Every structure is written in structure tokens, then in C-alpha cells.
Amino acid sequence: MNERTTVSGNPVQLIPRRGNCARFSRDYELIGSVPMRQLERTVLGCDYGATSWTTRREAVRIAELLQLSASKRLLDVGAGAGWPGLYVAQLTNCEIALTDLPLVGLQIARERAARDGLMQRCTAVVADGAALPFAAASFDAVSHSDVLCCMPTKLEMLQECRRVARSRSRMVFSVIAPAVSLSEVERQRAITSGPEFVDVPEGYEALLEQSGWHLESCIDVTDEFLQSMQTSVECMHSESKSLIDVLGENEFAERVARRRTTIVAVASGILKRELFVAT
């Protein structure tokens, strides 16, 4: 059943979709806890309740690559609780629209926007990235951080981003993906070690071309990703007692084990993380 919501003050259609909503909603439930906020500050340098691996340094880089200013309008797809979109808006003074499916994440983002004095130029809309409720040519720039690797409808999302972007718009996004030229065994290891929909057989350059985007550059940020993951596991061990109090023993153990599996895949060269710039 479709619903309507008023996160940004205007009613919009809530488009239901399978997938990661429950998992991300769980993450947002934990945002207010002191141990989880401290972990985020140590690993990423922020305290928004991030669900991507974007560090503060990378967020500054994204803002520069997007070439934003006070007269520009940015769309951040899969924005979650507002990181790094709200920070980019703060750095550049641009207007921003945040979209995602878990309502709780956008509510947290709106609260953060109010605290940071961004409410007058921030809109939050509950929507699927593959079915954006905006008119064509509505935005000067588009961003999404580690979203496509959690989306089964990658081409559709890129096509929607192209539709709502103006003719000279820039799009900057990060993704985790299997490395190229892997054996079938290595490729399967990469797939099981990454996010749920990490596999992209065509490659992102091909998907960009099919969706009407032109690849301007691709920046390898795998080393930074590996360092962040290693730091996160080290911090989870050093702060295990307080984190177990929040997560419970089983969930804590599952999160650590999952990150260790990904670390092994990244360190062995079968998983990578890249930052794409497209026009």
C-alpha cells in the first residue's frame, strides 16, 4: 500500500521497496547512543549517524568535485540521516534535497538540519532512488554515498538521477565493487564479502553510459576504505563492553565478523571502493 508523508512540510508519495530499510532503520535506532556516536567520530570524523564509509576528508572532496555554490541545488540520494549531504550543504551554502526510504533516517536528518541552521534550504522526501518524485531538470548536482552497492536497480537509479539533473549537472558518488579481472572463485568471494547488491557485471562506466552520463573521472579510495574498516574493528574491540551494552552480544559479534570478512576481501584486492565523477 502506498502512503503519504510530510517530512519536508509537503505531502509526497511514499514508494515501498524491498531491501535494506529494516537494516538501516536499526542503525538509525542506535544513532543516539554515546558508544555508537563515539565510534563514528573516531572512524569517520563525524557524528551524523552515517551509513556510508564517507570520511570527513572525503566529504570535503565531494563538495569540491560537485562545484557547488549558494545559487545551486543539490540532490542527495539515499541520504539517510544526512551524512554527508548536510555537511556538503553547510560547506557550500547550496540548497539540498535529501531522499531515502527509511522515514526515521530523514527525521533525524531534519533535526540535524535544524540544529545546524539549514532548515530554510533543506528538503527531505521519502522516495526510492529508482523512482524520484521530482520534475525533470530540477537539480544542479547529484550525490550518493555507497548507495548503488546496496541497490538492485542500479541502472534505473542512475537514469532517474540523469532525468532530474540539469544539462550541465555533475554527479559524484562512491561505491564498493568487486575488482576487475577476477577469477570466478574470487568474484564470488568478493560478492559474499561486500554489501548485499555489490555485484555489477557491466561495470559502472558502462552503467553511466547507458543512463546518459559521461564519466569524467574515477578515483580509487580503496586504501582509505580499508583504513576506516580496520580502525572500526580496532575501536569496536577496545570499546566492546559499552558497544555490547547497546548492541547485545550477538549483534556485536555479527558486526565485527562481517567487517573482518570485508577487510580480508579488500586487503586481498578483490573488493575496491571508488569515487566517480560524472557529467
Protein backbone atom coordinates (compact mmCIF):
# COMPACT_ATOMS: atom_id res chain seq x y z
CA MET A 1 0.00 0.00 0.00
CA ASN A 2 1.22 3.50 -0.80
CA GLU A 3 1.24 6.13 1.92
CA ARG A 4 1.81 9.84 2.10
CA THR A 5 4.21 11.60 4.40
CA THR A 6 5.16 15.20 5.24
CA VAL A 7 8.80 15.03 6.25
CA SER A 8 9.63 18.26 4.42
CA GLY A 9 6.34 20.00 5.04
CA ASN A 10 4.83 18.96 1.68
CA PRO A 11 2.99 15.65 1.14
CA VAL A 12 4.87 13.21 -1.08
CA GLN A 13 4.13 9.66 -2.14
CA LEU A 14 5.90 7.03 -0.10
CA ILE A 15 7.08 4.37 -2.54
CA PRO A 16 7.52 0.98 -0.83
CA ARG A 17 10.53 -1.14 -1.76
CA ARG A 18 12.16 -4.32 -0.54
CA GLY A 19 15.59 -4.48 0.74
CA ASN A 20 17.66 -2.66 3.26
CA CYS A 21 15.07 -0.48 5.01
CA ALA A 22 14.86 -2.66 8.12
CA ARG A 23 18.64 -2.91 8.45
CA PHE A 24 19.20 0.81 8.06
CA SER A 25 16.26 1.59 10.36
CA ARG A 26 18.04 -0.47 13.01
CA ASP A 27 21.19 1.61 12.51
CA TYR A 28 19.18 4.81 12.96
CA GLU A 29 17.72 3.48 16.20
CA LEU A 30 21.28 3.28 17.55
CA ILE A 31 22.38 6.76 16.47
CA GLY A 32 21.58 8.44 19.76
CA SER A 33 23.73 6.10 21.83
CA VAL A 34 27.02 7.53 23.08
CA PRO A 35 29.16 4.48 22.12
CA MET A 36 27.91 4.44 18.52
CA ARG A 37 28.42 8.19 18.14
CA GLN A 38 31.94 7.89 19.52
CA LEU A 39 32.71 5.05 17.11
CA GLU A 40 31.52 7.18 14.20
CA ARG A 41 33.62 10.16 15.29
CA THR A 42 36.74 8.01 15.59
CA VAL A 43 36.31 6.21 12.26
CA LEU A 44 34.76 8.87 10.01
CA GLY A 45 35.25 12.15 11.84
CA CYS A 46 31.52 12.92 12.01
CA ASP A 47 28.54 12.27 14.28
CA TYR A 48 25.52 12.37 11.97
CA GLY A 49 24.67 8.68 12.13
CA ALA A 50 26.45 7.80 8.88
CA THR A 51 25.53 4.64 6.98
CA SER A 52 28.26 5.08 4.35
CA TRP A 53 32.05 4.96 4.66
CA THR A 54 32.48 8.62 3.72
CA THR A 55 35.02 10.29 5.98
CA ARG A 56 35.05 14.00 6.75
CA ARG A 57 38.04 14.41 4.44
CA GLU A 58 36.18 12.68 1.62
CA ALA A 59 33.09 14.83 2.24
CA VAL A 60 35.19 17.95 1.68
CA ARG A 61 36.50 16.40 -1.52
CA ILE A 62 32.95 15.63 -2.68
CA ALA A 63 31.92 19.24 -2.07
CA GLU A 64 34.83 20.45 -4.20
CA LEU A 65 34.13 17.97 -7.01
CA LEU A 66 30.45 18.96 -7.16
CA GLN A 67 31.43 22.62 -7.76
CA LEU A 68 28.51 23.92 -5.69
CA SER A 69 27.64 27.44 -4.58
CA ALA A 70 24.80 29.28 -2.86
CA SER A 71 22.85 29.51 -6.12
CA LYS A 72 22.94 25.73 -6.74
CA ARG A 73 20.58 22.94 -5.77
CA LEU A 74 21.92 19.52 -4.73
CA LEU A 75 20.06 16.20 -4.61
CA ASP A 76 21.48 13.61 -2.20
CA VAL A 77 20.00 10.17 -2.91
CA GLY A 78 19.94 7.57 -0.15
CA ALA A 79 20.79 10.37 2.25
CA GLY A 80 19.92 8.52 5.44
CA ALA A 81 20.47 10.68 8.50
CA GLY A 82 22.09 13.43 6.42
CA TRP A 83 25.74 12.44 6.09
CA PRO A 84 27.49 13.68 4.04
CA GLY A 85 24.80 15.71 2.26
CA LEU A 86 24.07 18.16 5.06
CA TYR A 87 27.77 18.73 5.64
CA VAL A 88 28.30 19.44 1.93
CA ALA A 89 25.41 21.92 2.03
CA GLN A 90 26.97 23.60 5.04
CA LEU A 91 30.34 23.88 3.31
CA THR A 92 28.97 25.27 0.04
CA ASN A 93 25.81 27.17 1.14
CA CYS A 94 23.80 25.31 -1.51
CA GLU A 95 20.19 24.19 -1.23
CA ILE A 96 19.74 20.45 -0.68
CA ALA A 97 17.06 17.82 -1.11
CA LEU A 98 17.54 14.58 0.81
CA THR A 99 15.81 11.38 -0.32
CA ASP A 100 15.69 7.91 1.19
CA LEU A 101 13.16 5.25 2.16
CA PRO A 102 13.55 4.77 5.93
CA LEU A 103 11.49 7.65 7.34
CA VAL A 104 13.35 7.56 10.66
CA GLY A 105 16.65 8.46 8.98
CA LEU A 106 15.19 11.52 7.28
CA GLN A 107 13.57 12.64 10.52
CA ILE A 108 16.99 12.55 12.17
CA ALA A 109 18.41 14.47 9.20
CA ARG A 110 15.76 17.17 9.58
CA GLU A 111 16.59 17.52 13.28
CA ARG A 112 20.27 17.90 12.41
CA ALA A 113 19.47 20.45 9.70
CA ALA A 114 17.54 22.48 12.28
CA ARG A 115 20.44 22.38 14.74
CA ASP A 116 22.88 23.45 12.01
CA GLY A 117 20.70 26.29 10.74
CA LEU A 118 19.99 24.63 7.40
CA MET A 119 16.20 24.27 7.57
CA GLN A 120 15.47 27.10 5.14
CA ARG A 121 17.43 25.39 2.38
CA CYS A 122 16.85 21.71 3.18
CA THR A 123 14.05 19.45 1.96
CA ALA A 124 13.61 15.79 2.92
CA VAL A 125 11.50 13.46 0.78
CA VAL A 126 10.75 9.78 1.37
CA ALA A 127 11.38 8.14 -2.02
CA ASP A 128 13.04 5.24 -3.80
CA GLY A 129 16.17 6.29 -5.68
CA ALA A 130 14.86 4.48 -8.74
CA ALA A 131 11.57 6.45 -8.71
CA LEU A 132 12.38 10.03 -7.74
CA PRO A 133 9.34 12.30 -7.24
CA PHE A 134 10.91 15.37 -8.89
CA ALA A 135 10.38 17.11 -12.19
CA ALA A 136 12.97 16.76 -14.93
CA ALA A 137 15.97 19.10 -14.77
CA SER A 138 15.39 20.09 -11.13
CA PHE A 139 18.95 19.91 -9.77
CA ASP A 140 22.39 21.37 -10.46
CA ALA A 141 24.22 18.45 -8.82
CA VAL A 142 23.57 14.92 -7.55
CA SER A 143 25.40 12.86 -4.95
CA HIS A 144 25.04 9.46 -3.31
CA SER A 145 27.46 7.71 -0.97
CA ASP A 146 27.77 3.90 -1.02
CA VAL A 147 24.14 3.64 -2.17
CA LEU A 148 24.35 1.87 -5.54
CA CYS A 149 26.19 -1.08 -3.98
CA CYS A 150 23.09 -1.58 -1.80
CA MET A 151 20.64 -1.21 -4.73
CA PRO A 152 19.48 -3.98 -7.10
CA THR A 153 18.10 -1.35 -9.52
CA LYS A 154 21.36 0.43 -10.28
CA LEU A 155 20.67 1.43 -13.88
CA GLU A 156 17.20 2.69 -13.02
CA MET A 157 18.58 4.86 -10.23
CA LEU A 158 21.25 6.35 -12.49
CA GLN A 159 18.61 7.02 -15.16
CA GLU A 160 16.43 8.80 -12.60
CA CYS A 161 19.40 10.87 -11.42
CA ARG A 162 20.05 11.85 -15.04
CA ARG A 163 16.37 12.76 -15.57
CA VAL A 164 16.17 15.14 -12.61
CA ALA A 165 19.62 16.67 -13.27
CA ARG A 166 20.06 19.74 -15.47
CA SER A 167 22.05 19.52 -18.68
CA ARG A 168 25.40 20.56 -17.20
CA SER A 169 24.92 18.96 -13.81
CA ARG A 170 27.64 16.98 -12.06
CA MET A 171 27.15 13.76 -10.15
CA VAL A 172 29.63 12.46 -7.58
CA PHE A 173 29.14 9.10 -5.91
CA SER A 174 31.08 6.40 -4.07
CA VAL A 175 30.60 2.65 -4.45
CA ILE A 176 32.08 -0.59 -3.21
CA ALA A 177 32.52 -3.13 -6.02
CA PRO A 178 34.40 -6.30 -6.98
CA ALA A 179 37.76 -5.63 -8.60
CA VAL A 180 38.17 -6.28 -12.33
CA SER A 181 39.79 -9.37 -13.90
CA LEU A 182 38.89 -11.75 -11.06
CA SER A 183 38.54 -15.49 -11.37
CA GLU A 184 35.02 -16.80 -10.80
CA VAL A 185 36.01 -18.05 -7.34
CA GLU A 186 37.46 -14.64 -6.42
CA ARG A 187 34.42 -12.85 -7.82
CA GLN A 188 32.07 -14.96 -5.69
CA ARG A 189 34.22 -14.25 -2.62
CA ALA A 190 34.02 -10.53 -3.38
CA ILE A 191 30.25 -10.69 -3.75
CA THR A 192 29.74 -12.51 -0.44
CA SER A 193 32.17 -10.18 1.34
CA GLY A 194 30.58 -6.89 0.26
CA PRO A 195 27.17 -5.20 0.56
CA GLU A 196 24.06 -7.13 -0.49
CA PHE A 197 23.99 -5.89 -4.09
CA VAL A 198 27.70 -5.23 -4.58
CA ASP A 199 27.96 -7.14 -7.85
CA VAL A 200 27.95 -5.03 -11.03
CA PRO A 201 28.85 -7.28 -14.01
CA GLU A 202 28.65 -4.44 -16.56
CA GLY A 203 30.89 -2.11 -14.56
CA TYR A 204 29.91 1.39 -13.52
CA GLU A 205 31.38 3.08 -16.58
CA ALA A 206 29.00 1.09 -18.77
CA LEU A 207 26.05 1.84 -16.50
CA LEU A 208 26.83 5.55 -16.61
CA GLU A 209 26.96 5.50 -20.41
CA GLN A 210 23.67 3.57 -20.62
CA SER A 211 21.97 6.08 -18.34
CA GLY A 212 23.11 9.17 -20.23
CA TRP A 213 26.02 10.23 -18.01
CA HIS A 214 29.59 10.91 -19.14
CA LEU A 215 32.34 9.58 -16.87
CA GLU A 216 34.71 12.40 -16.08
CA SER A 217 36.97 10.64 -13.57
CA CYS A 218 37.19 7.66 -11.25
CA ILE A 219 39.21 7.99 -8.05
CA ASP A 220 40.38 4.90 -6.19
CA VAL A 221 39.71 5.33 -2.45
CA THR A 222 40.22 1.69 -1.50
CA ASP A 223 43.15 2.37 0.82
CA GLU A 224 41.14 4.93 2.79
CA PHE A 225 38.21 2.49 2.96
CA LEU A 226 40.45 -0.28 4.27
CA GLN A 227 41.95 2.01 6.89
CA SER A 228 38.47 3.08 8.06
CA MET A 229 37.31 -0.52 8.35
CA GLN A 230 40.41 -1.57 10.26
CA THR A 231 40.01 1.39 12.61
CA SER A 232 36.36 0.49 13.17
CA VAL A 233 37.20 -3.08 14.20
CA GLU A 234 40.01 -1.90 16.48
CA CYS A 235 37.66 0.58 18.15
CA MET A 236 34.90 -2.00 18.49
CA HIS A 237 37.30 -4.26 20.35
CA SER A 238 38.65 -1.53 22.60
CA GLU A 239 35.11 -0.33 23.41
CA SER A 240 33.49 -3.77 23.33
CA LYS A 241 31.81 -3.52 26.74
CA SER A 242 29.94 -0.30 26.03
CA LEU A 243 29.04 -1.41 22.49
CA ILE A 244 27.75 -4.79 23.69
CA ASP A 245 25.56 -2.91 26.17
CA VAL A 246 24.00 -1.13 23.19
CA LEU A 247 24.01 -3.88 20.54
CA GLY A 248 23.85 -7.06 22.55
CA GLU A 249 26.46 -9.81 22.31
CA ASN A 250 25.09 -11.48 19.17
CA GLU A 251 24.72 -8.33 17.08
CA PHE A 252 28.10 -7.05 18.23
CA ALA A 253 29.77 -10.34 17.21
CA GLU A 254 27.95 -10.35 13.85
CA ARG A 255 29.03 -6.79 13.03
CA VAL A 256 32.66 -7.46 13.92
CA ALA A 257 32.71 -10.71 11.93
CA ARG A 258 31.17 -9.02 8.90
CA ARG A 259 33.71 -6.21 8.94
CA ARG A 260 36.57 -8.68 9.31
CA THR A 261 35.32 -10.59 6.27
CA THR A 262 35.19 -7.37 4.23
CA ILE A 263 38.64 -6.32 5.44
CA VAL A 264 40.14 -9.61 4.23
CA ALA A 265 38.49 -9.16 0.82
CA VAL A 266 39.68 -5.56 0.45
CA ALA A 267 43.20 -6.34 1.67
CA SER A 268 43.46 -9.22 -0.82
CA GLY A 269 42.49 -6.94 -3.69
CA ILE A 270 39.15 -8.49 -4.66
CA LEU A 271 36.97 -5.66 -3.32
CA LYS A 272 37.54 -1.96 -4.00
CA ARG A 273 35.89 1.36 -3.27
CA GLU A 274 35.85 4.18 -5.82
CA LEU A 275 34.64 7.76 -6.14
CA PHE A 276 33.06 8.54 -9.52
CA VAL A 277 32.58 11.96 -11.08
CA ALA A 278 30.13 12.17 -13.99
CA THR A 279 28.57 14.95 -16.05
